[in-house]
Amino acid sequence: MFSEYAAARKQPEMKINLKDKTTKEILMFSLLPFGTSTLYTLIGTALNMYFTDVLGLSLAMTSIVLSATKIWDAINDPLMGMIVDKTHTKNGKCRPYILWMSGPAIIATAILFAPVNLGQKGNFIYAIVAYLIYYTVYTALDIPYQGLTPLVFPEDKKRVKAVSFSNIIGSLGTVLPSVLFFTVAGFWGRDNQKEGYFGAALIFGVMAAVPMFISYFGIKEKIYIPPRKDKYIDGLKIVMKDKKFICLVIAVFFSSLVNLGAMFLPYFAKWNCAGVIPIDSLCDWIFNTFGISIQLTSEGLLTPLLQIGSGISYMLSMALVPVFLKRMDKKTLWIGVSFAGIAADILCFVIGIWVVPYNTVAGAIVYTVLRFFTNFPVGIMTVLLIAMFSDVVDDLEMKTGKRLEGTVFSFRSLVGKISYLCHTVQRKNIS
């Protein structure tokens, strides 16, 4: 019961507001993961190919760009966590950042994908600076968003429901850029790839930022804690001594692996599925029939088709989390879907190598179907991670009297980025 939870708190001066506007707030809260997912997927879908194929950076240069930003993340993420934990305004500790950083997100996206032509070395330096700016702004949005979950939804059952539903809506932010980016870029730029990428990125940047800005006015933090003179290092020590937190951080590191398939899907469509669609013949037909000259690519056409199964699976699995949690606890569900994901990934690999090669029409169709099963555990894990990290914030508060949303979620964000970097750089070295 929440009354028991509130009674266990060690901060008698803390104010709790439980006015129930759950349905409206869940809908408005859902605009946040939609926005952050759109920004994150925009990078995962398009940035690597933009660096290598459009700006002309080598794989080694691209790896250095990614490494530089992750080194900065080692400072930026904990710093943002500290800032959030020290923020106390009449509008809350996390919510104000949604209002303050939505506009800069559009500007940072425009800078990152700007159609520069500075030569390879100039483009390389520009890419480092632009990516640092982008991820600084993204972090200033993402960590407060994650920290909002336990503040807006203090009760566990409502929190799981909110996280589940909001991430279903948020998954559209994952699907839309991965499905439409290359198509939009092709129509926007025609024969100019730089202009195409810039226009498409700007469209999705606005598409992400505007809903986040609107969400600010529809949500409210339910827990308010008056300012306290706590040292950041004290909170950090508390978090690092918590066994549940450490276990979840390890889980984040390895679960980030499951996102690599989506991030490298455009390359998979371009190289592994080469020849499935006769690109040149299709471009000639469009020109002869409609008089339109357009530059189509395998990644632009196949990536959306290959995403169909995973997109449906992702949303369905997140919707089922509250149902599964009626039969088992979060830990048991996590273990179960982890093994299911391993089995599905092995099956996908075996079929593609020895049964139906993916560079055929039949193989591409089979791969699309198999991605339904490989991505089903991903949606469940996404919801569980947010819910379990929110539980850690509540548990630490009951033990110590301190709410440490910023510290907890900043390290979750940092570890996920480090995992992404390790496996991305390894993939580029293999290539």
Protein backbone atom coordinates (compact mmCIF):
# COMPACT_ATOMS: atom_id res chain seq x y z
CA MET A 1 0.00 0.00 0.00
CA PHE A 2 1.20 3.50 -0.76
CA SER A 3 0.21 4.70 2.72
CA GLU A 4 2.70 2.25 4.20
CA TYR A 5 5.31 3.42 1.74
CA ALA A 6 4.72 7.06 2.61
CA ALA A 7 4.81 6.29 6.32
CA ALA A 8 8.20 4.69 5.92
CA ARG A 9 9.74 7.86 4.48
CA LYS A 10 12.34 9.59 6.63
CA GLN A 11 11.58 13.11 5.46
CA PRO A 12 8.60 14.47 7.39
CA GLU A 13 8.91 17.83 5.61
CA MET A 14 8.36 16.20 2.21
CA LYS A 15 5.06 16.94 0.49
CA ILE A 16 3.15 14.30 -1.46
CA ASN A 17 0.29 15.09 -3.82
CA LEU A 18 -1.82 12.14 -4.95
CA LYS A 19 -4.57 13.88 -6.86
CA ASP A 20 -5.51 11.24 -9.38
CA LYS A 21 -5.27 12.46 -12.97
CA THR A 22 -3.62 9.25 -14.06
CA THR A 23 -5.08 8.79 -17.55
CA LYS A 24 -4.45 12.36 -18.67
CA GLU A 25 -0.99 12.41 -17.15
CA ILE A 26 -0.01 9.10 -18.71
CA LEU A 27 -1.02 10.44 -22.12
CA MET A 28 0.98 13.63 -21.62
CA PHE A 29 3.90 11.76 -20.06
CA SER A 30 3.96 9.49 -23.11
CA LEU A 31 5.07 12.43 -25.23
CA LEU A 32 8.41 12.40 -23.39
CA PRO A 33 9.60 8.91 -24.39
CA PHE A 34 8.29 9.63 -27.88
CA GLY A 35 10.59 12.65 -28.07
CA THR A 36 13.67 11.10 -26.50
CA SER A 37 13.25 7.90 -28.53
CA THR A 38 12.98 9.93 -31.74
CA LEU A 39 16.22 11.77 -30.96
CA TYR A 40 18.03 8.59 -29.93
CA THR A 41 16.82 6.55 -32.90
CA LEU A 42 17.68 9.38 -35.28
CA ILE A 43 21.29 8.98 -34.19
CA GLY A 44 21.25 5.19 -34.21
CA THR A 45 19.64 5.04 -37.65
CA ALA A 46 21.32 7.78 -39.62
CA LEU A 47 24.41 9.23 -37.97
CA ASN A 48 26.95 6.47 -38.68
CA MET A 49 25.99 6.39 -42.34
CA TYR A 50 25.96 10.20 -42.46
CA PHE A 51 29.53 10.32 -41.15
CA THR A 52 30.88 7.63 -43.47
CA ASP A 53 28.82 7.90 -46.66
CA VAL A 54 27.97 11.63 -46.69
CA LEU A 55 30.73 13.49 -44.83
CA GLY A 56 33.33 11.04 -46.10
CA LEU A 57 34.82 10.13 -42.72
CA SER A 58 36.74 6.88 -42.47
CA LEU A 59 35.62 4.16 -40.06
CA ALA A 60 38.57 5.03 -37.82
CA MET A 61 37.52 8.69 -37.74
CA THR A 62 33.93 7.73 -36.95
CA SER A 63 35.13 5.54 -34.09
CA ILE A 64 37.15 8.47 -32.71
CA VAL A 65 34.08 10.73 -32.87
CA LEU A 66 32.05 8.18 -30.91
CA SER A 67 34.87 7.66 -28.40
CA ALA A 68 35.26 11.40 -27.80
CA THR A 69 31.58 11.80 -26.99
CA LYS A 70 31.59 8.86 -24.59
CA ILE A 71 34.62 10.26 -22.77
CA TRP A 72 32.61 13.46 -22.37
CA ASP A 73 29.62 11.40 -21.20
CA ALA A 74 31.76 10.10 -18.32
CA ILE A 75 31.75 13.70 -17.06
CA ASN A 76 28.49 14.97 -18.51
CA ASP A 77 26.10 12.27 -17.25
CA PRO A 78 27.14 12.31 -13.55
CA LEU A 79 27.34 16.12 -13.70
CA MET A 80 23.77 16.31 -15.00
CA GLY A 81 22.69 13.87 -12.31
CA MET A 82 24.22 16.10 -9.65
CA ILE A 83 22.54 19.18 -11.13
CA VAL A 84 19.15 17.46 -11.15
CA ASP A 85 19.47 16.32 -7.54
CA LYS A 86 20.33 19.89 -6.50
CA THR A 87 17.46 21.44 -8.47
CA HIS A 88 14.52 22.62 -6.37
CA THR A 89 11.95 24.85 -8.06
CA LYS A 90 8.26 25.43 -7.60
CA ASN A 91 7.74 23.30 -10.72
CA GLY A 92 9.83 20.38 -9.40
CA LYS A 93 13.37 19.06 -9.77
CA CYS A 94 13.16 17.26 -13.15
CA ARG A 95 10.18 18.79 -14.92
CA PRO A 96 11.71 22.25 -15.63
CA TYR A 97 14.43 20.75 -17.82
CA ILE A 98 11.81 19.47 -20.25
CA LEU A 99 10.72 23.07 -20.81
CA TRP A 100 14.23 24.53 -20.90
CA MET A 101 15.87 21.99 -23.24
CA SER A 102 13.20 21.21 -25.87
CA GLY A 103 14.17 24.18 -28.05
CA PRO A 104 17.93 23.56 -27.85
CA ALA A 105 17.27 19.96 -28.98
CA ILE A 106 16.13 21.25 -32.39
CA ILE A 107 19.14 23.53 -32.69
CA ALA A 108 21.57 20.76 -31.70
CA THR A 109 20.04 18.40 -34.29
CA ALA A 110 20.39 21.04 -37.01
CA ILE A 111 24.04 21.60 -36.06
CA LEU A 112 24.85 17.89 -36.06
CA PHE A 113 23.43 17.22 -39.53
CA ALA A 114 24.37 20.57 -41.07
CA PRO A 115 25.47 20.16 -44.74
CA VAL A 116 29.06 21.22 -44.14
CA ASN A 117 31.82 20.87 -46.72
CA LEU A 118 35.11 21.45 -44.89
CA GLY A 119 37.16 18.63 -46.34
CA GLN A 120 37.67 15.31 -44.60
CA LYS A 121 39.75 16.72 -41.72
CA GLY A 122 37.48 19.74 -41.31
CA ASN A 123 34.40 17.55 -41.36
CA PHE A 124 36.04 15.29 -38.77
CA ILE A 125 36.66 18.15 -36.33
CA TYR A 126 33.19 19.56 -36.97
CA ALA A 127 31.60 16.14 -36.32
CA ILE A 128 33.31 15.86 -32.92
CA VAL A 129 32.20 19.33 -31.79
CA ALA A 130 28.65 18.95 -33.15
CA TYR A 131 28.20 15.51 -31.59
CA LEU A 132 29.42 16.79 -28.21
CA ILE A 133 26.88 19.61 -28.36
CA TYR A 134 24.11 17.21 -29.38
CA TYR A 135 24.73 14.71 -26.61
CA THR A 136 25.07 17.43 -23.98
CA VAL A 137 21.60 18.68 -24.88
CA TYR A 138 20.22 15.14 -25.13
CA THR A 139 21.57 14.26 -21.68
CA ALA A 140 20.00 17.40 -20.21
CA LEU A 141 16.66 16.10 -21.50
CA ASP A 142 17.00 12.35 -21.00
CA ILE A 143 18.15 12.17 -17.37
CA PRO A 144 15.41 14.51 -16.08
CA TYR A 145 12.86 12.56 -18.15
CA GLN A 146 13.94 9.28 -16.55
CA GLY A 147 13.95 10.87 -13.11
CA LEU A 148 10.37 12.07 -13.61
CA THR A 149 8.98 8.52 -13.58
CA PRO A 150 9.01 7.95 -9.79
CA LEU A 151 8.14 11.61 -9.13
CA VAL A 152 5.05 11.73 -11.34
CA PHE A 153 3.91 8.18 -10.53
CA PRO A 154 4.86 7.35 -6.90
CA GLU A 155 2.63 4.25 -6.65
CA ASP A 156 4.13 1.06 -8.05
CA LYS A 157 1.07 -0.30 -9.91
CA LYS A 158 0.30 3.00 -11.58
CA ARG A 159 3.98 3.45 -12.34
CA VAL A 160 4.23 0.14 -14.21
CA LYS A 161 1.04 0.95 -16.11
CA ALA A 162 2.37 4.41 -16.96
CA VAL A 163 5.79 3.15 -18.05
CA SER A 164 4.22 0.40 -20.14
CA PHE A 165 1.73 2.64 -21.94
CA SER A 166 4.07 5.60 -22.34
CA ASN A 167 6.73 3.42 -23.91
CA ILE A 168 4.20 2.02 -26.37
CA ILE A 169 3.60 5.58 -27.54
CA GLY A 170 7.30 6.23 -27.22
CA SER A 171 8.07 3.29 -29.47
CA LEU A 172 6.58 5.30 -32.33
CA GLY A 173 9.57 7.55 -31.82
CA THR A 174 11.72 4.49 -32.45
CA VAL A 175 9.77 3.30 -35.46
CA LEU A 176 9.23 6.55 -37.37
CA PRO A 177 12.88 7.63 -37.86
CA SER A 178 14.07 4.10 -38.58
CA VAL A 179 11.27 3.53 -41.08
CA LEU A 180 11.02 6.94 -42.75
CA PHE A 181 14.36 8.74 -42.38
CA PHE A 182 16.07 7.55 -45.56
CA THR A 183 12.87 7.92 -47.57
CA VAL A 184 12.39 11.51 -46.37
CA ALA A 185 16.07 12.26 -46.99
CA GLY A 186 15.79 10.88 -50.53
CA PHE A 187 12.75 13.00 -51.41
CA TRP A 188 14.12 16.12 -49.69
CA GLY A 189 17.60 16.04 -51.17
CA ARG A 190 16.94 14.34 -54.49
CA ASP A 191 20.52 14.16 -55.82
CA ASN A 192 22.05 16.06 -52.87
CA GLN A 193 22.60 13.67 -49.95
CA LYS A 194 23.80 16.37 -47.55
CA GLU A 195 20.70 18.49 -48.05
CA GLY A 196 18.53 15.39 -47.80
CA TYR A 197 20.02 14.25 -44.49
CA PHE A 198 19.85 17.78 -43.06
CA GLY A 199 16.20 18.26 -44.03
CA ALA A 200 15.13 14.87 -42.72
CA ALA A 201 17.04 15.34 -39.44
CA LEU A 202 15.47 18.76 -38.92
CA ILE A 203 11.98 17.34 -39.48
CA PHE A 204 12.51 14.59 -36.92
CA GLY A 205 14.19 17.00 -34.51
CA VAL A 206 11.08 19.22 -34.53
CA MET A 207 8.89 16.12 -34.34
CA ALA A 208 10.71 15.13 -31.13
CA ALA A 209 10.99 18.51 -29.41
CA VAL A 210 7.46 19.87 -29.86
CA PRO A 211 5.67 16.96 -28.09
CA MET A 212 8.18 17.13 -25.22
CA PHE A 213 7.51 20.84 -24.83
CA ILE A 214 3.75 20.18 -24.76
CA SER A 215 4.14 17.40 -22.17
CA TYR A 216 5.57 19.86 -19.66
CA PHE A 217 2.13 21.44 -19.26
CA GLY A 218 0.31 18.13 -18.70
CA ILE A 219 2.37 16.48 -15.96
CA LYS A 220 3.16 17.35 -12.36
CA GLU A 221 5.66 16.01 -9.88
CA LYS A 222 3.82 14.51 -6.91
CA ILE A 223 6.74 14.57 -4.51
CA TYR A 224 8.32 17.81 -3.40
CA ILE A 225 11.38 17.91 -1.15
CA PRO A 226 12.62 21.26 0.21
CA PRO A 227 16.23 22.19 -0.62
CA ARG A 228 18.90 20.47 1.49
CA LYS A 229 22.64 20.98 1.68
CA ASP A 230 23.61 17.45 0.73
CA LYS A 231 26.97 16.74 -0.86
CA TYR A 232 26.90 14.93 -4.20
CA ILE A 233 29.65 12.55 -3.12
CA ASP A 234 27.52 11.38 -0.18
CA GLY A 235 24.66 10.47 -2.51
CA LEU A 236 27.08 8.76 -4.87
CA LYS A 237 28.43 6.60 -2.05
CA ILE A 238 24.90 5.59 -1.07
CA VAL A 239 24.04 4.57 -4.63
CA MET A 240 27.27 2.65 -5.23
CA LYS A 241 26.80 0.58 -2.07
CA ASP A 242 23.33 -0.58 -3.10
CA LYS A 243 23.42 -4.15 -4.43
CA LYS A 244 20.18 -3.79 -6.41
CA PHE A 245 21.56 -0.74 -8.19
CA ILE A 246 24.82 -2.49 -9.09
CA CYS A 247 22.95 -5.51 -10.46
CA LEU A 248 20.72 -3.26 -12.57
CA VAL A 249 23.72 -1.33 -13.92
CA ILE A 250 25.31 -4.61 -15.04
CA ALA A 251 22.01 -5.58 -16.64
CA VAL A 252 21.90 -2.26 -18.51
CA PHE A 253 25.40 -2.80 -19.89
CA PHE A 254 24.60 -6.20 -21.40
CA SER A 255 21.00 -5.45 -22.38
CA SER A 256 22.29 -2.57 -24.52
CA LEU A 257 23.56 -5.28 -26.87
CA VAL A 258 20.03 -5.96 -28.00
CA ASN A 259 19.84 -2.49 -29.58
CA LEU A 260 22.75 -3.13 -31.92
CA GLY A 261 20.60 -5.02 -34.40
CA ALA A 262 18.39 -1.97 -34.92
CA MET A 263 21.32 0.45 -35.02
CA PHE A 264 23.10 -1.46 -37.77
CA LEU A 265 19.97 -2.42 -39.68
CA PRO A 266 20.61 0.17 -42.46
CA TYR A 267 24.03 -1.43 -43.04
CA PHE A 268 22.43 -4.88 -42.98
CA ALA A 269 19.89 -3.73 -45.58
CA LYS A 270 22.63 -2.20 -47.72
CA TRP A 271 25.16 -5.03 -47.63
CA ASN A 272 23.55 -8.29 -46.49
CA CYS A 273 20.32 -7.78 -48.45
CA ALA A 274 21.99 -6.40 -51.58
CA GLY A 275 20.05 -7.37 -54.70
CA VAL A 276 16.72 -8.03 -53.00
CA ILE A 277 15.27 -4.90 -54.62
CA PRO A 278 16.47 -3.84 -58.14
CA ILE A 279 17.23 -0.23 -57.19
CA ASP A 280 18.42 1.02 -60.59
CA SER A 281 15.44 -0.44 -62.42
CA LEU A 282 13.05 1.05 -59.88
CA CYS A 283 14.61 4.52 -60.20
CA ASP A 284 14.36 4.30 -64.01
CA TRP A 285 10.70 3.26 -63.78
CA ILE A 286 9.84 6.18 -61.49
CA PHE A 287 11.61 8.62 -63.81
CA ASN A 288 9.99 7.22 -66.98
CA THR A 289 6.53 7.02 -65.41
CA PHE A 290 6.33 10.15 -63.26
CA GLY A 291 9.22 12.25 -64.56
CA ILE A 292 10.77 12.39 -61.09
CA SER A 293 14.51 11.90 -60.62
CA ILE A 294 15.10 10.44 -57.17
CA GLN A 295 18.03 8.69 -55.54
CA LEU A 296 16.74 5.49 -53.93
CA THR A 297 18.93 3.17 -51.86
CA SER A 298 18.64 -0.33 -50.43
CA GLU A 299 18.81 1.02 -46.89
CA GLY A 300 16.11 3.56 -47.63
CA LEU A 301 13.65 1.01 -49.02
CA LEU A 302 14.49 -2.15 -47.09
CA THR A 303 15.04 -0.73 -43.60
CA PRO A 304 11.35 0.24 -43.16
CA LEU A 305 10.20 -3.18 -44.42
CA LEU A 306 12.59 -5.07 -42.14
CA GLN A 307 11.33 -3.03 -39.17
CA ILE A 308 7.70 -4.10 -39.52
CA GLY A 309 7.93 -7.26 -37.42
CA SER A 310 10.10 -5.73 -34.70
CA GLY A 311 7.91 -2.63 -34.42
CA ILE A 312 4.72 -4.65 -33.89
CA SER A 313 6.50 -6.92 -31.43
CA TYR A 314 8.01 -4.03 -29.46
CA MET A 315 4.66 -2.34 -28.83
CA LEU A 316 2.81 -5.58 -28.09
CA SER A 317 5.39 -6.79 -25.57
CA MET A 318 5.33 -3.51 -23.63
CA ALA A 319 1.53 -3.61 -23.45
CA LEU A 320 1.71 -7.09 -21.89
CA VAL A 321 4.11 -6.19 -19.06
CA PRO A 322 1.34 -5.34 -16.52
CA VAL A 323 -0.33 -8.66 -17.38
CA PHE A 324 2.89 -10.63 -16.84
CA LEU A 325 3.55 -8.86 -13.53
CA LYS A 326 0.25 -10.13 -12.17
CA ARG A 327 1.70 -13.64 -12.40
CA MET A 328 5.34 -13.05 -11.45
CA ASP A 329 7.65 -10.42 -10.01
CA LYS A 330 9.93 -8.16 -12.06
CA LYS A 331 13.08 -10.22 -11.43
CA THR A 332 11.51 -13.48 -12.60
CA LEU A 333 10.08 -11.84 -15.70
CA TRP A 334 13.48 -10.31 -16.53
CA ILE A 335 15.24 -13.68 -16.31
CA GLY A 336 12.58 -15.39 -18.42
CA VAL A 337 12.63 -12.88 -21.28
CA SER A 338 16.44 -12.85 -21.25
CA PHE A 339 16.60 -16.56 -22.03
CA ALA A 340 13.80 -16.20 -24.59
CA GLY A 341 15.77 -13.44 -26.32
CA ILE A 342 18.93 -15.55 -26.45
CA ALA A 343 17.05 -18.42 -28.06
CA ALA A 344 15.38 -16.14 -30.63
CA ASP A 345 18.67 -14.47 -31.63
CA ILE A 346 20.43 -17.82 -32.10
CA LEU A 347 17.55 -19.06 -34.25
CA CYS A 348 17.66 -15.89 -36.38
CA PHE A 349 21.41 -16.32 -36.96
CA VAL A 350 21.22 -20.04 -37.82
CA ILE A 351 18.36 -19.62 -40.29
CA GLY A 352 20.05 -16.70 -42.07
CA ILE A 353 23.38 -18.49 -42.45
CA TRP A 354 22.38 -22.07 -43.23
CA VAL A 355 18.69 -22.17 -44.17
CA VAL A 356 17.40 -19.11 -46.06
CA PRO A 357 20.08 -16.53 -47.01
CA TYR A 358 18.93 -13.00 -46.31
CA ASN A 359 20.10 -11.65 -49.68
CA THR A 360 17.05 -13.22 -51.32
CA VAL A 361 13.44 -12.04 -51.30
CA ALA A 362 12.41 -15.10 -49.27
CA GLY A 363 15.26 -14.49 -46.84
CA ALA A 364 14.30 -10.86 -46.30
CA ILE A 365 10.70 -11.91 -45.57
CA VAL A 366 11.86 -14.61 -43.14
CA TYR A 367 14.15 -12.13 -41.40
CA THR A 368 11.27 -9.66 -40.98
CA VAL A 369 9.17 -12.37 -39.32
CA LEU A 370 12.03 -13.50 -37.09
CA ARG A 371 12.60 -9.94 -35.86
CA PHE A 372 9.17 -10.13 -34.26
CA PHE A 373 10.48 -12.80 -31.91
CA THR A 374 13.95 -11.33 -31.36
CA ASN A 375 12.49 -7.94 -30.44
CA PHE A 376 9.68 -9.19 -28.17
CA PRO A 377 11.95 -9.41 -25.09
CA VAL A 378 13.38 -5.96 -25.83
CA GLY A 379 10.09 -4.16 -25.19
CA ILE A 380 9.58 -5.98 -21.90
CA MET A 381 13.13 -5.22 -20.76
CA THR A 382 12.70 -1.54 -21.60
CA VAL A 383 9.69 -1.23 -19.31
CA LEU A 384 11.23 -3.34 -16.54
CA LEU A 385 14.46 -1.34 -16.42
CA ILE A 386 12.67 1.97 -15.92
CA ALA A 387 10.36 0.45 -13.29
CA MET A 388 13.19 -1.27 -11.40
CA PHE A 389 15.45 1.80 -11.35
CA SER A 390 12.48 3.79 -10.02
CA ASP A 391 12.09 1.15 -7.31
CA VAL A 392 15.75 1.68 -6.39
CA VAL A 393 15.11 5.41 -5.92
CA ASP A 394 12.22 4.62 -3.56
CA ASP A 395 14.18 1.96 -1.67
CA LEU A 396 17.15 4.28 -1.13
CA GLU A 397 14.83 6.98 0.13
CA MET A 398 13.29 4.64 2.67
CA LYS A 399 16.75 3.58 3.83
CA THR A 400 18.50 6.96 3.88
CA GLY A 401 15.87 9.68 3.59
CA LYS A 402 17.39 11.00 0.34
CA ARG A 403 15.83 11.02 -3.11
CA LEU A 404 18.54 10.53 -5.71
CA GLU A 405 16.76 10.38 -9.08
CA GLY A 406 19.52 12.32 -10.80
CA THR A 407 22.38 10.17 -9.52
CA VAL A 408 20.60 6.85 -10.14
CA PHE A 409 19.39 7.58 -13.67
CA SER A 410 22.55 9.40 -14.76
CA PHE A 411 24.62 6.27 -14.12
CA ARG A 412 22.04 4.14 -15.88
CA SER A 413 22.37 6.45 -18.89
CA LEU A 414 26.18 6.50 -18.73
CA VAL A 415 26.56 2.71 -18.58
CA GLY A 416 24.19 2.25 -21.51
CA LYS A 417 26.26 4.69 -23.60
CA ILE A 418 29.52 2.98 -22.63
CA SER A 419 28.10 -0.38 -23.68
CA TYR A 420 26.96 1.12 -26.99
CA LEU A 421 30.44 2.57 -27.57
CA CYS A 422 32.28 -0.69 -26.80
CA HIS A 423 30.25 -2.77 -29.17
CA THR A 424 30.00 -0.09 -31.87
CA VAL A 425 33.77 0.38 -31.99
CA GLN A 426 34.25 -3.40 -32.02
CA ARG A 427 31.80 -3.69 -34.92
CA LYS A 428 33.62 -0.98 -36.90
CA ASN A 429 36.98 -2.66 -36.30
CA ILE A 430 35.59 -5.92 -37.60
CA SER A 431 34.26 -4.11 -40.67
